[in-house]
C-alpha atoms as a PDB file:
ATOM      1  CA  MET A   1      86.753  91.687  76.273  1.00  0.00           C
ATOM      2  CA  GLN A   2      87.563  94.231  78.919  1.00  0.00           C
ATOM      3  CA  PHE A   3      89.181  93.330  82.254  1.00  0.00           C
ATOM      4  CA  GLN A   4      89.868  95.239  85.465  1.00  0.00           C
ATOM      5  CA  ILE A   5      92.834  94.183  87.577  1.00  0.00           C
ATOM      6  CA  THR A   6      91.931  93.618  91.242  1.00  0.00           C
ATOM      7  CA  TYR A   7      95.255  92.119  92.389  1.00  0.00           C
ATOM      8  CA  ILE A   8      98.602  91.497  90.730  1.00  0.00           C
ATOM      9  CA  GLU A   9     102.021  90.242  91.800  1.00  0.00           C
ATOM     10  CA  PHE A  10     105.026  90.333  89.498  1.00  0.00           C
ATOM     11  CA  ASP A  11     108.128  88.133  89.495  1.00  0.00           C
ATOM     12  CA  PHE A  12     111.054  90.465  90.157  1.00  0.00           C
ATOM     13  CA  GLY A  13     113.405  87.503  90.830  1.00  0.00           C
ATOM     14  CA  ASP A  14     116.423  88.136  88.582  1.00  0.00           C
ATOM     15  CA  ASP A  15     116.121  91.897  88.225  1.00  0.00           C
ATOM     16  CA  LEU A  16     119.407  93.718  87.646  1.00  0.00           C
ATOM     17  CA  TYR A  17     118.207  96.531  89.889  1.00  0.00           C
ATOM     18  CA  PRO A  18     116.851  94.983  93.063  1.00  0.00           C
ATOM     19  CA  MET A  19     113.812  96.924  94.224  1.00  0.00           C
ATOM     20  CA  THR A  20     112.918  97.563  97.811  1.00  0.00           C
ATOM     21  CA  GLU A  21     109.762  96.017  99.209  1.00  0.00           C
ATOM     22  CA  GLN A  22     108.051  99.410  99.006  1.00  0.00           C
ATOM     23  CA  GLU A  23     109.065  99.862  95.359  1.00  0.00           C
ATOM     24  CA  THR A  24     107.728  96.439  94.380  1.00  0.00           C
ATOM     25  CA  GLU A  25     104.475  97.128  96.235  1.00  0.00           C
ATOM     26  CA  ASP A  26     104.111 100.519  94.525  1.00  0.00           C
ATOM     27  CA  PHE A  27     104.847  98.960  91.118  1.00  0.00           C
ATOM     28  CA  CYS A  28     102.116  96.354  91.594  1.00  0.00           C
ATOM     29  CA  ASP A  29      99.689  98.931  93.013  1.00  0.00           C
ATOM     30  CA  ASP A  30     100.076 100.972  89.818  1.00  0.00           C
ATOM     31  CA  TYR A  31      98.309  98.151  87.938  1.00  0.00           C
ATOM     32  CA  VAL A  32      95.485  97.503  90.416  1.00  0.00           C
ATOM     33  CA  GLY A  33      92.265  99.094  89.194  1.00  0.00           C
ATOM     34  CA  THR A  34      93.475  99.478  85.621  1.00  0.00           C
ATOM     35  CA  PHE A  35      91.399  98.338  82.641  1.00  0.00           C
ATOM     36  CA  TRP A  36      92.754  96.192  79.809  1.00  0.00           C
ATOM     37  CA  GLU A  37      91.409  94.947  76.497  1.00  0.00           C
ATOM     38  CA  ALA A  38      92.268  91.311  75.774  1.00  0.00           C
ATOM     39  CA  ASP A  39      90.806  88.244  74.071  1.00  0.00           C
ATOM     40  CA  ASP A  40      90.874  86.127  77.253  1.00  0.00           C
ATOM     41  CA  GLY A  41      92.750  85.662  80.536  1.00  0.00           C
ATOM     42  CA  ASP A  42      95.880  84.290  78.863  1.00  0.00           C
ATOM     43  CA  ASP A  43      95.994  87.201  76.442  1.00  0.00           C
ATOM     44  CA  LEU A  44      95.532  89.574  79.389  1.00  0.00           C
ATOM     45  CA  VAL A  45      98.603  88.124  81.109  1.00  0.00           C
ATOM     46  CA  GLU A  46     100.621  88.493  77.899  1.00  0.00           C
ATOM     47  CA  GLU A  47      99.491  92.110  77.429  1.00  0.00           C
ATOM     48  CA  ILE A  48     100.410  93.125  80.985  1.00  0.00           C
ATOM     49  CA  THR A  49     103.710  91.215  80.924  1.00  0.00           C
ATOM     50  CA  SER A  50     104.663  92.980  77.716  1.00  0.00           C
ATOM     51  CA  ALA A  51     103.736  96.405  79.088  1.00  0.00           C
ATOM     52  CA  ALA A  52     105.320  95.928  82.521  1.00  0.00           C
ATOM     53  CA  GLY A  53     108.468  94.123  81.450  1.00  0.00           C
ATOM     54  CA  TYR A  54     108.033  91.535  84.214  1.00  0.00           C
ATOM     55  CA  CYS A  55     106.343  88.145  84.318  1.00  0.00           C
ATOM     56  CA  ILE A  56     103.246  87.800  86.451  1.00  0.00           C
ATOM     57  CA  LYS A  57     103.317  85.520  89.495  1.00  0.00           C
ATOM     58  CA  SER A  58      99.674  85.962  90.446  1.00  0.00           C
ATOM     59  CA  ILE A  59      96.736  87.938  89.109  1.00  0.00           C
ATOM     60  CA  ASP A  60      93.074  88.456  89.927  1.00  0.00           C
ATOM     61  CA  TYR A  61      90.727  90.381  87.685  1.00  0.00           C
ATOM     62  CA  ARG A  62      87.105  90.871  86.860  1.00  0.00           C
ATOM     63  CA  THR A  63      85.516  90.832  83.456  1.00  0.00           C
ATOM     64  CA  ILE A  64      83.677  94.022  82.538  1.00  0.00           C
ATOM     65  CA  LEU A  65      80.422  93.292  80.761  1.00  0.00           C
ATOM     66  CA  LYS A  66      79.294  95.857  78.242  1.00  0.00           C
END
């Protein structure tokens, strides 16, 4: 299945390099609008977490029908 990210928030809690509010916003914005292939919503979260290096606090997406 293909998904498009419409909103995402990462958990930057215990980061060794604390980011500014602007940096965290920019990081999240880099993922909004992107397309991902995954088996389901849980797999999508795992794929993005693996790519980003941060756990996801909140995510909204839409399924792209082919």
